[in-house]
Amino acid sequence: MDLFFYAIPGLILALVLFAAIRVIRRARDLRQVWNSGLTAEARCLRTYTTTSGGSGDSAVRTTLHHVYEFTARDGRTVRFEEEDGPGTTLEGDTVVVHYAEGERVRATAQTPSHRKNAVGAAAVLVLLGVIAVICVGFMVTYTEVSEAGDSLVEDSGTGYGTFP
């Protein structure tokens, strides 16, 4: 039974850690791409939407995707997909993309906004931190309560106690 009260919060903590790593990596990648100073004109090849949710009473979330293609400075043709771009960018439109060269070219069509990137990442990390603190607090509290219950059982002995 104790395993249940440690495994579930432990799993949640693992998911929180995974999400925190993804948030930090995405914020770092955006910062590197914007700081590289490399830009190119890209063509929007395709736009499409995906939906999630909507079962029962949950809200439907629609995500707009854009597929871009551009030629990097070294002559490579790079194609990438980006979520939550502007709804005004349509197939065939030309946009400015920022990219960073390397073995794997990273790019974005988002306009540079270092403050928005940092504040957004910090807000998500704070939320994940609160979830982690709640999980750890739950496990510590459960440990203390179960140890107190065990000591009460051990102290009861035969059930015949002395009264003051």
N, C-alpha and C. Protein backbone atom coordinates (compact mmCIF):
# COMPACT_ATOMS: atom_id res chain seq x y z
N MET A 1 0.82 -1.19 0.00
CA MET A 1 0.00 0.00 0.00
C MET A 1 0.86 1.26 0.00
N ASP A 2 2.00 1.21 0.73
CA ASP A 2 2.89 2.36 0.75
C ASP A 2 3.42 2.68 -0.64
N LEU A 3 3.62 1.68 -1.44
CA LEU A 3 4.16 1.88 -2.78
C LEU A 3 3.27 2.84 -3.57
N PHE A 4 1.97 2.71 -3.45
CA PHE A 4 1.04 3.57 -4.17
C PHE A 4 1.26 5.03 -3.81
N PHE A 5 1.47 5.32 -2.51
CA PHE A 5 1.62 6.70 -2.05
C PHE A 5 2.99 7.30 -2.35
N TYR A 6 3.91 6.49 -2.81
CA TYR A 6 5.21 6.99 -3.23
C TYR A 6 5.38 6.92 -4.75
N ALA A 7 4.77 5.92 -5.39
CA ALA A 7 4.94 5.74 -6.83
C ALA A 7 4.23 6.83 -7.63
N ILE A 8 3.01 7.15 -7.26
CA ILE A 8 2.25 8.16 -8.01
C ILE A 8 2.93 9.54 -7.92
N PRO A 9 3.24 10.04 -6.72
CA PRO A 9 3.96 11.32 -6.67
C PRO A 9 5.34 11.24 -7.34
N GLY A 10 5.98 10.09 -7.23
CA GLY A 10 7.28 9.93 -7.90
C GLY A 10 7.15 10.02 -9.42
N LEU A 11 6.09 9.44 -9.95
CA LEU A 11 5.83 9.53 -11.39
C LEU A 11 5.53 10.97 -11.79
N ILE A 12 4.74 11.66 -10.99
CA ILE A 12 4.43 13.06 -11.27
C ILE A 12 5.72 13.89 -11.23
N LEU A 13 6.59 13.63 -10.26
CA LEU A 13 7.87 14.35 -10.18
C LEU A 13 8.73 14.09 -11.42
N ALA A 14 8.73 12.86 -11.92
CA ALA A 14 9.49 12.55 -13.13
C ALA A 14 8.93 13.32 -14.33
N LEU A 15 7.62 13.39 -14.44
CA LEU A 15 7.00 14.15 -15.53
C LEU A 15 7.29 15.64 -15.41
N VAL A 16 7.29 16.16 -14.19
CA VAL A 16 7.61 17.56 -13.95
C VAL A 16 9.06 17.84 -14.37
N LEU A 17 9.97 16.95 -14.03
CA LEU A 17 11.37 17.12 -14.41
C LEU A 17 11.52 17.09 -15.93
N PHE A 18 10.85 16.15 -16.58
CA PHE A 18 10.89 16.07 -18.04
C PHE A 18 10.37 17.35 -18.68
N ALA A 19 9.24 17.86 -18.18
CA ALA A 19 8.66 19.09 -18.72
C ALA A 19 9.58 20.29 -18.49
N ALA A 20 10.21 20.35 -17.32
CA ALA A 20 11.13 21.46 -17.02
C ALA A 20 12.32 21.44 -17.98
N ILE A 21 12.85 20.27 -18.25
CA ILE A 21 13.97 20.16 -19.18
C ILE A 21 13.55 20.63 -20.57
N ARG A 22 12.36 20.25 -21.01
CA ARG A 22 11.86 20.67 -22.33
C ARG A 22 11.68 22.19 -22.39
N VAL A 23 11.13 22.78 -21.33
CA VAL A 23 10.91 24.23 -21.30
C VAL A 23 12.25 24.97 -21.36
N ILE A 24 13.20 24.53 -20.56
CA ILE A 24 14.51 25.18 -20.54
C ILE A 24 15.20 25.03 -21.89
N ARG A 25 15.14 23.85 -22.46
CA ARG A 25 15.78 23.61 -23.77
C ARG A 25 15.15 24.49 -24.85
N ARG A 26 13.82 24.59 -24.86
CA ARG A 26 13.15 25.42 -25.87
C ARG A 26 13.51 26.89 -25.71
N ALA A 27 13.53 27.40 -24.48
CA ALA A 27 13.88 28.80 -24.24
C ALA A 27 15.33 29.06 -24.64
N ARG A 28 16.22 28.13 -24.33
CA ARG A 28 17.63 28.28 -24.71
C ARG A 28 17.80 28.27 -26.22
N ASP A 29 17.09 27.36 -26.90
CA ASP A 29 17.19 27.28 -28.35
C ASP A 29 16.70 28.57 -29.01
N LEU A 30 15.57 29.10 -28.54
CA LEU A 30 15.08 30.36 -29.10
C LEU A 30 16.08 31.49 -28.89
N ARG A 31 16.65 31.56 -27.70
CA ARG A 31 17.64 32.61 -27.41
C ARG A 31 18.84 32.49 -28.34
N GLN A 32 19.34 31.26 -28.56
CA GLN A 32 20.48 31.05 -29.44
C GLN A 32 20.15 31.41 -30.88
N VAL A 33 18.96 31.04 -31.33
CA VAL A 33 18.56 31.35 -32.70
C VAL A 33 18.47 32.86 -32.90
N TRP A 34 17.84 33.56 -31.97
CA TRP A 34 17.71 35.01 -32.11
C TRP A 34 19.06 35.70 -31.98
N ASN A 35 19.95 35.20 -31.12
CA ASN A 35 21.26 35.82 -30.93
C ASN A 35 22.24 35.51 -32.05
N SER A 36 21.96 34.52 -32.88
CA SER A 36 22.90 34.15 -33.95
C SER A 36 23.04 35.25 -34.99
N GLY A 37 22.00 36.05 -35.16
CA GLY A 37 22.04 37.12 -36.14
C GLY A 37 21.80 36.67 -37.57
N LEU A 38 21.58 35.38 -37.78
CA LEU A 38 21.35 34.87 -39.12
C LEU A 38 19.86 34.90 -39.45
N THR A 39 19.53 35.48 -40.59
CA THR A 39 18.15 35.52 -41.05
C THR A 39 18.10 35.09 -42.50
N ALA A 40 16.94 34.67 -42.92
CA ALA A 40 16.72 34.28 -44.31
C ALA A 40 15.24 34.46 -44.62
N GLU A 41 14.96 34.57 -45.91
CA GLU A 41 13.57 34.61 -46.32
C GLU A 41 13.09 33.18 -46.51
N ALA A 42 11.99 32.86 -45.89
CA ALA A 42 11.43 31.51 -45.99
C ALA A 42 10.06 31.59 -46.64
N ARG A 43 9.71 30.53 -47.26
CA ARG A 43 8.39 30.43 -47.88
C ARG A 43 7.55 29.49 -47.04
N CYS A 44 6.30 29.90 -46.80
CA CYS A 44 5.37 29.05 -46.08
C CYS A 44 4.82 28.03 -47.08
N LEU A 45 5.15 26.76 -46.85
CA LEU A 45 4.73 25.71 -47.76
C LEU A 45 3.33 25.20 -47.46
N ARG A 46 3.00 25.21 -46.18
CA ARG A 46 1.73 24.59 -45.78
C ARG A 46 1.29 25.14 -44.44
N THR A 47 -0.01 25.27 -44.27
CA THR A 47 -0.58 25.57 -42.95
C THR A 47 -1.67 24.55 -42.69
N TYR A 48 -1.77 24.14 -41.45
CA TYR A 48 -2.83 23.23 -41.06
C TYR A 48 -3.09 23.37 -39.57
N THR A 49 -4.22 22.86 -39.14
CA THR A 49 -4.58 22.94 -37.73
C THR A 49 -4.77 21.54 -37.17
N THR A 50 -4.52 21.43 -35.89
CA THR A 50 -4.83 20.20 -35.15
C THR A 50 -5.72 20.60 -33.97
N THR A 51 -6.57 19.70 -33.58
CA THR A 51 -7.44 19.97 -32.43
C THR A 51 -7.23 18.89 -31.38
N SER A 52 -7.44 19.28 -30.15
CA SER A 52 -7.36 18.33 -29.04
C SER A 52 -8.43 18.69 -28.03
N GLY A 53 -8.80 17.72 -27.22
CA GLY A 53 -9.83 17.94 -26.22
C GLY A 53 -11.20 17.76 -26.82
N GLY A 54 -12.19 18.30 -26.15
CA GLY A 54 -13.57 18.26 -26.64
C GLY A 54 -14.37 17.07 -26.17
N SER A 55 -13.76 16.15 -25.45
CA SER A 55 -14.53 15.01 -24.95
C SER A 55 -15.20 15.41 -23.63
N GLY A 56 -16.42 15.05 -23.50
CA GLY A 56 -17.15 15.40 -22.28
C GLY A 56 -17.37 16.90 -22.22
N ASP A 57 -16.97 17.49 -21.11
CA ASP A 57 -17.15 18.93 -20.92
C ASP A 57 -15.87 19.72 -21.14
N SER A 58 -14.80 19.09 -21.65
CA SER A 58 -13.54 19.80 -21.81
C SER A 58 -13.58 20.69 -23.05
N ALA A 59 -12.79 21.73 -23.01
CA ALA A 59 -12.73 22.69 -24.11
C ALA A 59 -11.90 22.11 -25.26
N VAL A 60 -12.18 22.59 -26.45
CA VAL A 60 -11.42 22.19 -27.63
C VAL A 60 -10.29 23.20 -27.82
N ARG A 61 -9.08 22.69 -28.03
CA ARG A 61 -7.93 23.55 -28.28
C ARG A 61 -7.48 23.33 -29.71
N THR A 62 -7.40 24.39 -30.48
CA THR A 62 -6.96 24.32 -31.87
C THR A 62 -5.57 24.93 -31.98
N THR A 63 -4.65 24.21 -32.61
CA THR A 63 -3.28 24.67 -32.78
C THR A 63 -3.02 24.86 -34.27
N LEU A 64 -2.51 26.03 -34.63
CA LEU A 64 -2.17 26.33 -36.01
C LEU A 64 -0.70 25.99 -36.25
N HIS A 65 -0.44 25.23 -37.28
CA HIS A 65 0.92 24.82 -37.64
C HIS A 65 1.30 25.47 -38.98
N HIS A 66 2.57 25.84 -39.11
CA HIS A 66 3.12 26.33 -40.38
C HIS A 66 4.33 25.48 -40.73
N VAL A 67 4.48 25.17 -42.01
CA VAL A 67 5.67 24.49 -42.51
C VAL A 67 6.41 25.49 -43.39
N TYR A 68 7.67 25.77 -43.04
CA TYR A 68 8.49 26.74 -43.76
C TYR A 68 9.67 26.05 -44.42
N GLU A 69 10.17 26.69 -45.47
CA GLU A 69 11.39 26.20 -46.13
C GLU A 69 12.23 27.40 -46.53
N PHE A 70 13.54 27.30 -46.28
CA PHE A 70 14.47 28.36 -46.65
C PHE A 70 15.82 27.75 -46.98
N THR A 71 16.68 28.56 -47.58
CA THR A 71 18.03 28.13 -47.91
C THR A 71 18.99 28.80 -46.93
N ALA A 72 19.75 28.00 -46.21
CA ALA A 72 20.70 28.52 -45.23
C ALA A 72 21.91 29.11 -45.95
N ARG A 73 22.73 29.80 -45.20
CA ARG A 73 23.90 30.47 -45.75
C ARG A 73 24.86 29.50 -46.43
N ASP A 74 24.93 28.25 -45.92
CA ASP A 74 25.84 27.26 -46.51
C ASP A 74 25.22 26.52 -47.69
N GLY A 75 24.02 26.91 -48.11
CA GLY A 75 23.40 26.32 -49.29
C GLY A 75 22.42 25.19 -49.00
N ARG A 76 22.33 24.75 -47.76
CA ARG A 76 21.39 23.68 -47.41
C ARG A 76 19.96 24.20 -47.44
N THR A 77 19.07 23.36 -47.95
CA THR A 77 17.65 23.68 -47.90
C THR A 77 17.11 23.12 -46.58
N VAL A 78 16.49 24.00 -45.82
CA VAL A 78 15.99 23.63 -44.49
C VAL A 78 14.48 23.77 -44.49
N ARG A 79 13.81 22.75 -44.02
CA ARG A 79 12.36 22.76 -43.87
C ARG A 79 12.05 22.49 -42.40
N PHE A 80 11.19 23.31 -41.84
CA PHE A 80 10.82 23.10 -40.44
C PHE A 80 9.36 23.46 -40.22
N GLU A 81 8.82 22.93 -39.14
CA GLU A 81 7.44 23.16 -38.77
C GLU A 81 7.41 23.91 -37.45
N GLU A 82 6.47 24.80 -37.33
CA GLU A 82 6.36 25.59 -36.10
C GLU A 82 4.89 25.69 -35.71
N GLU A 83 4.62 25.57 -34.43
CA GLU A 83 3.26 25.68 -33.90
C GLU A 83 2.97 27.10 -33.46
N ASP A 84 1.67 27.41 -33.43
CA ASP A 84 1.16 28.67 -32.89
C ASP A 84 1.74 29.90 -33.57
N GLY A 85 1.91 29.84 -34.86
CA GLY A 85 2.34 31.01 -35.62
C GLY A 85 1.17 31.94 -35.87
N PRO A 86 1.43 33.05 -36.55
CA PRO A 86 0.35 34.00 -36.81
C PRO A 86 -0.67 33.45 -37.80
N GLY A 87 -1.92 33.70 -37.54
CA GLY A 87 -2.98 33.23 -38.40
C GLY A 87 -3.03 33.95 -39.74
N THR A 88 -2.30 35.05 -39.85
CA THR A 88 -2.30 35.82 -41.09
C THR A 88 -1.29 35.29 -42.11
N THR A 89 -0.41 34.38 -41.70
CA THR A 89 0.56 33.79 -42.64
C THR A 89 -0.11 32.63 -43.34
N LEU A 90 -0.17 32.73 -44.67
CA LEU A 90 -0.83 31.72 -45.48
C LEU A 90 0.17 30.99 -46.36
N GLU A 91 -0.26 29.89 -46.96
CA GLU A 91 0.60 29.15 -47.88
C GLU A 91 1.05 30.07 -49.01
N GLY A 92 2.36 30.01 -49.30
CA GLY A 92 2.93 30.84 -50.36
C GLY A 92 3.51 32.14 -49.87
N ASP A 93 3.18 32.57 -48.65
CA ASP A 93 3.71 33.82 -48.10
C ASP A 93 5.20 33.69 -47.82
N THR A 94 5.90 34.81 -47.90
CA THR A 94 7.32 34.86 -47.57
C THR A 94 7.47 35.55 -46.23
N VAL A 95 8.24 34.94 -45.33
CA VAL A 95 8.47 35.49 -44.00
C VAL A 95 9.96 35.48 -43.70
N VAL A 96 10.37 36.29 -42.75
CA VAL A 96 11.76 36.29 -42.30
C VAL A 96 11.90 35.28 -41.18
N VAL A 97 12.88 34.39 -41.30
CA VAL A 97 13.15 33.42 -40.24
C VAL A 97 14.52 33.70 -39.65
N HIS A 98 14.65 33.43 -38.39
CA HIS A 98 15.93 33.51 -37.69
C HIS A 98 16.39 32.08 -37.50
N TYR A 99 17.69 31.85 -37.72
CA TYR A 99 18.18 30.48 -37.59
C TYR A 99 19.60 30.47 -37.06
N ALA A 100 19.98 29.33 -36.52
CA ALA A 100 21.34 29.11 -36.02
C ALA A 100 21.91 27.92 -36.77
N GLU A 101 23.12 28.09 -37.28
CA GLU A 101 23.75 27.01 -38.02
C GLU A 101 24.35 25.99 -37.07
N GLY A 102 24.64 24.86 -37.61
CA GLY A 102 25.24 23.77 -36.85
C GLY A 102 24.95 22.48 -37.57
N GLU A 103 25.24 21.39 -36.90
CA GLU A 103 24.94 20.09 -37.49
C GLU A 103 23.45 19.98 -37.78
N ARG A 104 22.66 20.45 -36.84
CA ARG A 104 21.21 20.51 -37.03
C ARG A 104 20.79 21.97 -36.97
N VAL A 105 20.28 22.49 -38.07
CA VAL A 105 19.87 23.89 -38.13
C VAL A 105 18.57 24.07 -37.34
N ARG A 106 18.58 25.03 -36.41
CA ARG A 106 17.38 25.37 -35.65
C ARG A 106 16.87 26.71 -36.17
N ALA A 107 15.56 26.82 -36.35
CA ALA A 107 15.01 28.04 -36.92
C ALA A 107 13.65 28.36 -36.30
N THR A 108 13.27 29.64 -36.42
CA THR A 108 11.96 30.09 -35.97
C THR A 108 11.52 31.26 -36.82
N ALA A 109 10.22 31.35 -37.03
CA ALA A 109 9.65 32.50 -37.73
C ALA A 109 9.11 33.52 -36.73
N GLN A 110 9.26 33.25 -35.45
CA GLN A 110 8.81 34.18 -34.42
C GLN A 110 9.72 35.40 -34.40
N THR A 111 9.13 36.57 -34.18
CA THR A 111 9.95 37.77 -34.06
C THR A 111 10.67 37.73 -32.71
N PRO A 112 11.91 38.21 -32.66
CA PRO A 112 12.66 38.15 -31.41
C PRO A 112 11.95 38.90 -30.27
N SER A 113 11.81 38.21 -29.16
CA SER A 113 11.21 38.78 -27.96
C SER A 113 11.83 38.07 -26.76
N HIS A 114 13.03 38.53 -26.38
CA HIS A 114 13.77 37.88 -25.30
C HIS A 114 13.01 37.94 -23.98
N ARG A 115 12.39 39.08 -23.70
CA ARG A 115 11.67 39.23 -22.43
C ARG A 115 10.47 38.28 -22.38
N LYS A 116 9.70 38.21 -23.45
CA LYS A 116 8.53 37.32 -23.49
C LYS A 116 8.98 35.86 -23.34
N ASN A 117 10.07 35.50 -23.99
CA ASN A 117 10.61 34.14 -23.89
C ASN A 117 11.01 33.82 -22.45
N ALA A 118 11.73 34.74 -21.81
CA ALA A 118 12.20 34.50 -20.44
C ALA A 118 11.04 34.46 -19.44
N VAL A 119 10.09 35.39 -19.58
CA VAL A 119 8.96 35.43 -18.64
C VAL A 119 8.08 34.19 -18.81
N GLY A 120 7.84 33.79 -20.05
CA GLY A 120 7.04 32.59 -20.29
C GLY A 120 7.68 31.34 -19.72
N ALA A 121 8.99 31.19 -19.95
CA ALA A 121 9.69 30.02 -19.42
C ALA A 121 9.70 30.05 -17.89
N ALA A 122 9.94 31.23 -17.30
CA ALA A 122 9.96 31.34 -15.84
C ALA A 122 8.59 31.00 -15.24
N ALA A 123 7.53 31.47 -15.88
CA ALA A 123 6.19 31.19 -15.35
C ALA A 123 5.89 29.69 -15.36
N VAL A 124 6.24 29.03 -16.44
CA VAL A 124 6.00 27.57 -16.51
C VAL A 124 6.87 26.85 -15.48
N LEU A 125 8.12 27.29 -15.32
CA LEU A 125 9.00 26.64 -14.34
C LEU A 125 8.50 26.85 -12.91
N VAL A 126 7.95 28.02 -12.62
CA VAL A 126 7.38 28.25 -11.28
C VAL A 126 6.20 27.31 -11.04
N LEU A 127 5.33 27.18 -12.03
CA LEU A 127 4.19 26.26 -11.91
C LEU A 127 4.67 24.83 -11.69
N LEU A 128 5.66 24.40 -12.46
CA LEU A 128 6.20 23.05 -12.28
C LEU A 128 6.85 22.89 -10.91
N GLY A 129 7.49 23.95 -10.43
CA GLY A 129 8.08 23.91 -9.09
C GLY A 129 7.04 23.75 -8.00
N VAL A 130 5.92 24.43 -8.16
CA VAL A 130 4.82 24.31 -7.18
C VAL A 130 4.29 22.87 -7.18
N ILE A 131 4.13 22.29 -8.35
CA ILE A 131 3.66 20.90 -8.43
C ILE A 131 4.66 19.97 -7.75
N ALA A 132 5.96 20.20 -7.97
CA ALA A 132 6.98 19.36 -7.34
C ALA A 132 6.96 19.49 -5.82
N VAL A 133 6.81 20.72 -5.32
CA VAL A 133 6.76 20.93 -3.87
C VAL A 133 5.54 20.23 -3.27
N ILE A 134 4.41 20.29 -3.95
CA ILE A 134 3.21 19.61 -3.46
C ILE A 134 3.44 18.10 -3.40
N CYS A 135 4.07 17.53 -4.42
CA CYS A 135 4.33 16.08 -4.43
C CYS A 135 5.28 15.69 -3.30
N VAL A 136 6.36 16.44 -3.13
CA VAL A 136 7.31 16.12 -2.07
C VAL A 136 6.65 16.31 -0.70
N GLY A 137 5.87 17.37 -0.55
CA GLY A 137 5.16 17.59 0.71
C GLY A 137 4.20 16.46 1.02
N PHE A 138 3.51 15.97 0.00
CA PHE A 138 2.59 14.84 0.20
C PHE A 138 3.35 13.60 0.68
N MET A 139 4.49 13.31 0.03
CA MET A 139 5.26 12.11 0.42
C MET A 139 5.82 12.25 1.83
N VAL A 140 6.30 13.43 2.19
CA VAL A 140 6.84 13.64 3.54
C VAL A 140 5.73 13.52 4.58
N THR A 141 4.59 14.13 4.30
CA THR A 141 3.46 14.05 5.23
C THR A 141 2.98 12.62 5.39
N TYR A 142 2.87 11.90 4.29
CA TYR A 142 2.45 10.50 4.37
C TYR A 142 3.44 9.68 5.20
N THR A 143 4.73 9.93 5.02
CA THR A 143 5.75 9.21 5.79
C THR A 143 5.59 9.48 7.28
N GLU A 144 5.41 10.75 7.64
CA GLU A 144 5.26 11.11 9.05
C GLU A 144 4.00 10.51 9.65
N VAL A 145 2.90 10.56 8.91
CA VAL A 145 1.64 10.02 9.42
C VAL A 145 1.73 8.50 9.57
N SER A 146 2.33 7.83 8.61
CA SER A 146 2.42 6.37 8.71
C SER A 146 3.37 5.94 9.82
N GLU A 147 4.44 6.70 10.06
CA GLU A 147 5.35 6.37 11.17
C GLU A 147 4.65 6.62 12.51
N ALA A 148 3.86 7.69 12.60
CA ALA A 148 3.13 7.96 13.84
C ALA A 148 2.09 6.86 14.08
N GLY A 149 1.44 6.40 13.05
CA GLY A 149 0.47 5.31 13.19
C GLY A 149 1.14 4.03 13.60
N ASP A 150 2.33 3.73 13.08
CA ASP A 150 3.07 2.53 13.45
C ASP A 150 3.48 2.58 14.91
N SER A 151 3.90 3.76 15.39
CA SER A 151 4.31 3.85 16.79
C SER A 151 3.11 3.71 17.73
N LEU A 152 1.94 4.16 17.31
CA LEU A 152 0.74 3.97 18.13
C LEU A 152 0.39 2.49 18.24
N VAL A 153 0.54 1.76 17.17
CA VAL A 153 0.24 0.33 17.18
C VAL A 153 1.23 -0.40 18.07
N GLU A 154 2.52 -0.04 17.99
CA GLU A 154 3.54 -0.70 18.81
C GLU A 154 3.36 -0.38 20.29
N ASP A 155 2.94 0.85 20.62
CA ASP A 155 2.77 1.24 22.01
C ASP A 155 1.53 0.61 22.65
N SER A 156 0.58 0.21 21.85
CA SER A 156 -0.67 -0.30 22.43
C SER A 156 -0.46 -1.66 23.09
N GLY A 157 0.53 -2.43 22.63
CA GLY A 157 0.83 -3.71 23.25
C GLY A 157 -0.35 -4.64 23.27
N THR A 158 -0.79 -5.08 24.44
CA THR A 158 -1.89 -6.05 24.57
C THR A 158 -3.25 -5.37 24.56
N GLY A 159 -3.23 -4.09 24.63
CA GLY A 159 -4.51 -3.39 24.68
C GLY A 159 -4.88 -3.03 26.09
N TYR A 160 -4.15 -3.53 27.08
CA TYR A 160 -4.40 -3.18 28.48
C TYR A 160 -3.38 -2.14 28.89
N GLY A 161 -3.80 -0.97 28.97
CA GLY A 161 -2.88 0.09 29.35
C GLY A 161 -3.10 0.50 30.79
N THR A 162 -2.22 1.34 31.26
CA THR A 162 -2.38 1.87 32.60
C THR A 162 -3.00 3.25 32.49
N PHE A 163 -3.87 3.52 33.41
CA PHE A 163 -4.50 4.81 33.40
C PHE A 163 -3.88 5.69 34.47
N PRO A 164 -3.80 6.94 34.21
CA PRO A 164 -3.18 7.83 35.22
C PRO A 164 -3.96 7.98 36.47
